[in-house]
N, C-alpha and C. Protein backbone atom coordinates (compact mmCIF):
# COMPACT_ATOMS: atom_id res chain seq x y z
N MET A 1 0.85 -1.18 0.00
CA MET A 1 0.00 0.00 0.00
C MET A 1 0.88 1.23 0.00
N SER A 2 0.63 2.17 -0.91
CA SER A 2 1.44 3.39 -0.95
C SER A 2 1.04 4.31 0.20
N ALA A 3 1.97 5.19 0.59
CA ALA A 3 1.72 6.11 1.69
C ALA A 3 0.58 7.07 1.37
N ARG A 4 0.30 7.34 0.10
CA ARG A 4 -0.73 8.30 -0.29
C ARG A 4 -2.07 7.63 -0.56
N GLN A 5 -2.12 6.29 -0.53
CA GLN A 5 -3.37 5.60 -0.81
C GLN A 5 -4.39 5.95 0.27
N GLY A 6 -5.61 6.18 -0.15
CA GLY A 6 -6.66 6.52 0.80
C GLY A 6 -6.77 8.01 1.07
N PHE A 7 -5.99 8.83 0.37
CA PHE A 7 -6.03 10.28 0.56
C PHE A 7 -6.77 10.91 -0.60
N PRO A 8 -7.33 12.08 -0.46
CA PRO A 8 -7.37 12.91 0.74
C PRO A 8 -8.44 12.44 1.73
N VAL A 9 -8.29 12.87 2.97
CA VAL A 9 -9.25 12.57 4.03
C VAL A 9 -9.79 13.91 4.53
N ARG A 10 -11.11 14.01 4.60
CA ARG A 10 -11.75 15.28 4.96
C ARG A 10 -12.42 15.17 6.33
N PHE A 11 -12.30 16.23 7.09
CA PHE A 11 -12.94 16.33 8.41
C PHE A 11 -13.76 17.61 8.43
N GLU A 12 -14.92 17.57 9.04
CA GLU A 12 -15.73 18.77 9.23
C GLU A 12 -16.21 18.78 10.67
N PHE A 13 -16.09 19.94 11.31
CA PHE A 13 -16.47 20.05 12.71
C PHE A 13 -16.62 21.52 13.09
N ASP A 14 -17.24 21.75 14.24
CA ASP A 14 -17.34 23.08 14.84
C ASP A 14 -16.50 23.04 16.11
N ALA A 15 -15.78 24.12 16.37
CA ALA A 15 -14.97 24.20 17.59
C ALA A 15 -14.74 25.66 17.96
N GLU A 16 -14.36 25.88 19.20
CA GLU A 16 -14.13 27.23 19.71
C GLU A 16 -12.66 27.61 19.55
N VAL A 17 -12.41 28.81 19.05
CA VAL A 17 -11.05 29.33 18.89
C VAL A 17 -10.48 29.60 20.28
N ILE A 18 -9.23 29.17 20.49
CA ILE A 18 -8.54 29.43 21.76
C ILE A 18 -7.29 30.27 21.48
N GLU A 19 -6.81 30.94 22.53
CA GLU A 19 -5.59 31.74 22.41
C GLU A 19 -4.52 31.14 23.31
N TRP A 20 -3.32 30.99 22.76
CA TRP A 20 -2.16 30.58 23.55
C TRP A 20 -1.36 31.83 23.82
N ARG A 21 -1.14 32.12 25.07
CA ARG A 21 -0.45 33.34 25.45
C ARG A 21 0.99 33.05 25.82
N GLY A 22 1.76 32.69 24.81
CA GLY A 22 3.19 32.49 25.01
C GLY A 22 3.92 33.80 24.78
N PRO A 23 5.20 33.71 24.45
CA PRO A 23 5.95 34.93 24.16
C PRO A 23 5.28 35.75 23.05
N SER A 24 4.70 35.07 22.08
CA SER A 24 3.85 35.77 21.12
C SER A 24 2.53 35.04 21.08
N PRO A 25 1.44 35.78 21.28
CA PRO A 25 0.14 35.12 21.30
C PRO A 25 -0.17 34.47 19.95
N PHE A 26 -0.84 33.34 20.02
CA PHE A 26 -1.25 32.65 18.82
C PHE A 26 -2.62 32.06 19.05
N PHE A 27 -3.36 31.89 17.97
CA PHE A 27 -4.72 31.39 18.06
C PHE A 27 -4.82 30.04 17.36
N PHE A 28 -5.63 29.15 17.96
CA PHE A 28 -5.78 27.79 17.46
C PHE A 28 -7.24 27.37 17.52
N VAL A 29 -7.57 26.38 16.70
CA VAL A 29 -8.84 25.67 16.81
C VAL A 29 -8.47 24.26 17.25
N PRO A 30 -8.88 23.84 18.46
CA PRO A 30 -8.61 22.47 18.88
C PRO A 30 -9.42 21.49 18.03
N ILE A 31 -8.76 20.45 17.55
CA ILE A 31 -9.45 19.42 16.77
C ILE A 31 -10.20 18.52 17.76
N PRO A 32 -11.48 18.25 17.51
CA PRO A 32 -12.23 17.40 18.44
C PRO A 32 -11.52 16.06 18.67
N GLY A 33 -11.53 15.64 19.92
CA GLY A 33 -10.83 14.42 20.32
C GLY A 33 -11.22 13.18 19.55
N ARG A 34 -12.43 13.14 19.03
CA ARG A 34 -12.87 11.95 18.30
C ARG A 34 -12.06 11.72 17.03
N TYR A 35 -11.31 12.73 16.56
CA TYR A 35 -10.49 12.59 15.36
C TYR A 35 -9.02 12.30 15.65
N ALA A 36 -8.62 12.33 16.90
CA ALA A 36 -7.20 12.23 17.26
C ALA A 36 -6.55 10.93 16.78
N GLU A 37 -7.20 9.81 17.01
CA GLU A 37 -6.61 8.53 16.62
C GLU A 37 -6.41 8.45 15.10
N GLU A 38 -7.42 8.88 14.34
CA GLU A 38 -7.28 8.84 12.88
C GLU A 38 -6.19 9.79 12.41
N LEU A 39 -6.08 10.97 13.03
CA LEU A 39 -5.03 11.91 12.64
C LEU A 39 -3.64 11.36 12.97
N ARG A 40 -3.49 10.68 14.09
CA ARG A 40 -2.19 10.05 14.41
C ARG A 40 -1.83 9.02 13.35
N ARG A 41 -2.81 8.25 12.89
CA ARG A 41 -2.57 7.25 11.85
C ARG A 41 -2.16 7.94 10.54
N LEU A 42 -2.88 8.99 10.17
CA LEU A 42 -2.58 9.73 8.95
C LEU A 42 -1.21 10.41 9.03
N ALA A 43 -0.84 10.86 10.20
CA ALA A 43 0.44 11.56 10.38
C ALA A 43 1.61 10.69 9.96
N LYS A 44 1.49 9.39 10.15
CA LYS A 44 2.57 8.47 9.76
C LYS A 44 2.87 8.55 8.27
N ALA A 45 1.85 8.88 7.46
CA ALA A 45 2.02 8.94 6.01
C ALA A 45 2.34 10.34 5.50
N VAL A 46 1.91 11.40 6.22
CA VAL A 46 2.04 12.75 5.67
C VAL A 46 2.93 13.69 6.46
N SER A 47 3.29 13.34 7.69
CA SER A 47 4.07 14.26 8.51
C SER A 47 5.47 14.46 7.94
N TYR A 48 5.95 15.68 8.01
CA TYR A 48 7.32 15.97 7.57
C TYR A 48 8.23 16.18 8.77
N GLY A 49 7.78 15.78 9.93
CA GLY A 49 8.60 15.84 11.14
C GLY A 49 7.82 16.37 12.33
N TRP A 50 8.25 16.02 13.51
CA TRP A 50 7.68 16.45 14.79
C TRP A 50 6.21 16.09 14.94
N GLY A 51 5.69 15.22 14.09
CA GLY A 51 4.30 14.80 14.20
C GLY A 51 3.28 15.77 13.65
N VAL A 52 3.75 16.87 13.02
CA VAL A 52 2.81 17.82 12.44
C VAL A 52 2.12 17.20 11.23
N VAL A 53 0.89 17.63 10.98
CA VAL A 53 0.08 17.08 9.90
C VAL A 53 -0.31 18.22 8.95
N PRO A 54 0.24 18.25 7.73
CA PRO A 54 -0.14 19.30 6.79
C PRO A 54 -1.59 19.15 6.35
N VAL A 55 -2.31 20.28 6.34
CA VAL A 55 -3.72 20.28 5.98
C VAL A 55 -4.07 21.51 5.14
N GLU A 56 -5.17 21.40 4.44
CA GLU A 56 -5.82 22.55 3.84
C GLU A 56 -7.12 22.72 4.61
N ALA A 57 -7.39 23.93 5.07
CA ALA A 57 -8.58 24.17 5.88
C ALA A 57 -9.39 25.32 5.29
N VAL A 58 -10.69 25.28 5.59
CA VAL A 58 -11.59 26.36 5.19
C VAL A 58 -12.38 26.77 6.43
N ILE A 59 -12.33 28.07 6.71
CA ILE A 59 -13.12 28.67 7.79
C ILE A 59 -13.76 29.92 7.23
N ALA A 60 -15.06 30.02 7.35
CA ALA A 60 -15.81 31.21 6.90
C ALA A 60 -15.44 31.62 5.47
N GLY A 61 -15.28 30.65 4.59
CA GLY A 61 -14.97 30.92 3.19
C GLY A 61 -13.51 31.18 2.89
N ALA A 62 -12.66 31.24 3.91
CA ALA A 62 -11.22 31.46 3.71
C ALA A 62 -10.51 30.12 3.67
N THR A 63 -9.83 29.84 2.56
CA THR A 63 -9.07 28.60 2.41
C THR A 63 -7.60 28.90 2.67
N PHE A 64 -6.96 28.05 3.48
CA PHE A 64 -5.55 28.24 3.80
C PHE A 64 -4.88 26.91 4.07
N THR A 65 -3.56 26.90 3.94
CA THR A 65 -2.78 25.70 4.27
C THR A 65 -1.98 25.98 5.54
N THR A 66 -1.82 24.94 6.30
CA THR A 66 -1.06 25.02 7.55
C THR A 66 -0.75 23.60 7.98
N SER A 67 -0.22 23.44 9.17
CA SER A 67 0.03 22.11 9.72
C SER A 67 -0.52 22.03 11.13
N LEU A 68 -1.23 20.94 11.40
CA LEU A 68 -1.73 20.69 12.75
C LEU A 68 -0.57 20.44 13.69
N PHE A 69 -0.64 20.99 14.89
CA PHE A 69 0.37 20.75 15.91
C PHE A 69 -0.15 19.67 16.85
N PRO A 70 0.67 18.65 17.13
CA PRO A 70 0.24 17.70 18.16
C PRO A 70 0.33 18.38 19.53
N LYS A 71 -0.68 18.20 20.35
CA LYS A 71 -0.70 18.79 21.69
C LYS A 71 -1.41 17.83 22.62
N ASP A 72 -0.70 17.41 23.67
CA ASP A 72 -1.22 16.42 24.60
C ASP A 72 -1.64 15.19 23.79
N ASP A 73 -2.88 14.78 23.83
CA ASP A 73 -3.32 13.62 23.06
C ASP A 73 -4.11 14.02 21.83
N GLY A 74 -4.07 15.29 21.45
CA GLY A 74 -4.85 15.76 20.32
C GLY A 74 -4.03 16.62 19.38
N TYR A 75 -4.73 17.47 18.63
CA TYR A 75 -4.10 18.34 17.65
C TYR A 75 -4.74 19.72 17.70
N LEU A 76 -3.94 20.73 17.32
CA LEU A 76 -4.40 22.11 17.23
C LEU A 76 -4.22 22.61 15.80
N LEU A 77 -5.24 23.29 15.28
CA LEU A 77 -5.18 23.93 13.97
C LEU A 77 -4.80 25.39 14.19
N PRO A 78 -3.58 25.80 13.76
CA PRO A 78 -3.18 27.19 13.96
C PRO A 78 -3.92 28.13 13.00
N LEU A 79 -4.27 29.29 13.52
CA LEU A 79 -4.93 30.32 12.71
C LEU A 79 -3.97 31.49 12.53
N LYS A 80 -3.47 31.64 11.33
CA LYS A 80 -2.56 32.73 11.02
C LYS A 80 -3.30 34.06 11.15
N VAL A 81 -2.53 35.12 11.40
CA VAL A 81 -3.12 36.45 11.52
C VAL A 81 -3.94 36.81 10.27
N ALA A 82 -3.41 36.51 9.09
CA ALA A 82 -4.13 36.84 7.85
C ALA A 82 -5.48 36.13 7.79
N VAL A 83 -5.54 34.90 8.26
CA VAL A 83 -6.79 34.14 8.26
C VAL A 83 -7.77 34.76 9.27
N ARG A 84 -7.28 35.08 10.45
CA ARG A 84 -8.16 35.68 11.47
C ARG A 84 -8.71 37.03 11.01
N ARG A 85 -7.87 37.82 10.36
CA ARG A 85 -8.35 39.12 9.85
C ARG A 85 -9.40 38.93 8.76
N LYS A 86 -9.13 38.01 7.85
CA LYS A 86 -10.06 37.77 6.74
C LYS A 86 -11.41 37.24 7.21
N THR A 87 -11.38 36.40 8.25
CA THR A 87 -12.61 35.78 8.74
C THR A 87 -13.21 36.51 9.94
N ASN A 88 -12.45 37.46 10.49
CA ASN A 88 -12.90 38.22 11.65
C ASN A 88 -13.23 37.31 12.84
N VAL A 89 -12.34 36.35 13.12
CA VAL A 89 -12.54 35.46 14.27
C VAL A 89 -11.46 35.72 15.31
N THR A 90 -11.82 35.45 16.56
CA THR A 90 -10.89 35.61 17.66
C THR A 90 -11.21 34.58 18.74
N ALA A 91 -10.46 34.61 19.82
CA ALA A 91 -10.65 33.65 20.91
C ALA A 91 -12.09 33.68 21.40
N GLY A 92 -12.64 32.50 21.60
CA GLY A 92 -14.00 32.36 22.08
C GLY A 92 -15.05 32.19 21.00
N ASP A 93 -14.68 32.49 19.75
CA ASP A 93 -15.63 32.33 18.65
C ASP A 93 -15.78 30.86 18.27
N LEU A 94 -17.00 30.46 17.97
CA LEU A 94 -17.26 29.12 17.47
C LEU A 94 -17.15 29.17 15.95
N VAL A 95 -16.30 28.30 15.38
CA VAL A 95 -16.10 28.30 13.93
C VAL A 95 -16.41 26.93 13.36
N ALA A 96 -16.90 26.93 12.12
CA ALA A 96 -17.09 25.69 11.36
C ALA A 96 -15.84 25.49 10.52
N VAL A 97 -15.25 24.31 10.62
CA VAL A 97 -14.01 24.00 9.93
C VAL A 97 -14.23 22.84 8.98
N ALA A 98 -13.76 22.99 7.75
CA ALA A 98 -13.65 21.88 6.79
C ALA A 98 -12.15 21.73 6.56
N MET A 99 -11.63 20.56 6.81
CA MET A 99 -10.18 20.35 6.78
C MET A 99 -9.86 19.10 5.99
N THR A 100 -8.86 19.21 5.11
CA THR A 100 -8.46 18.08 4.29
C THR A 100 -7.01 17.73 4.54
N VAL A 101 -6.76 16.45 4.78
CA VAL A 101 -5.40 15.92 4.96
C VAL A 101 -5.05 15.15 3.70
N GLY A 102 -3.87 15.42 3.16
CA GLY A 102 -3.39 14.65 2.03
C GLY A 102 -3.70 15.19 0.66
N ALA A 103 -4.31 16.36 0.59
CA ALA A 103 -4.64 16.94 -0.71
C ALA A 103 -3.58 17.93 -1.16
N ILE A 104 -2.66 18.27 -0.29
CA ILE A 104 -1.70 19.33 -0.57
C ILE A 104 -0.48 18.75 -1.26
N GLN A 105 -0.24 19.18 -2.47
CA GLN A 105 0.89 18.69 -3.26
C GLN A 105 1.73 19.87 -3.72
N ARG A 106 2.08 20.78 -2.84
CA ARG A 106 2.80 21.99 -3.22
C ARG A 106 4.25 21.88 -2.98
């Protein structure tokens, strides 16, 4: 079986935007825990290191590419400043996410 067989894989969910207040604040959408096991399996085929999972995501009509960060037993979808400005979302907002793993060939 090739590493790309079975791709792309699409996830759709609603989640609340959170803020990480490190040296530079950053905003994330936590991926619902019910997807964690499948994402760990997919990471074996698509990760380019550190367990990150490259994805294409759509929030409020804005399409962007990024990589999921593994955190504890789950994953976080980072929201770049440009995406937050375009979608006008911030911490505490509930967002609908459509996310695809394995479709990115850039």
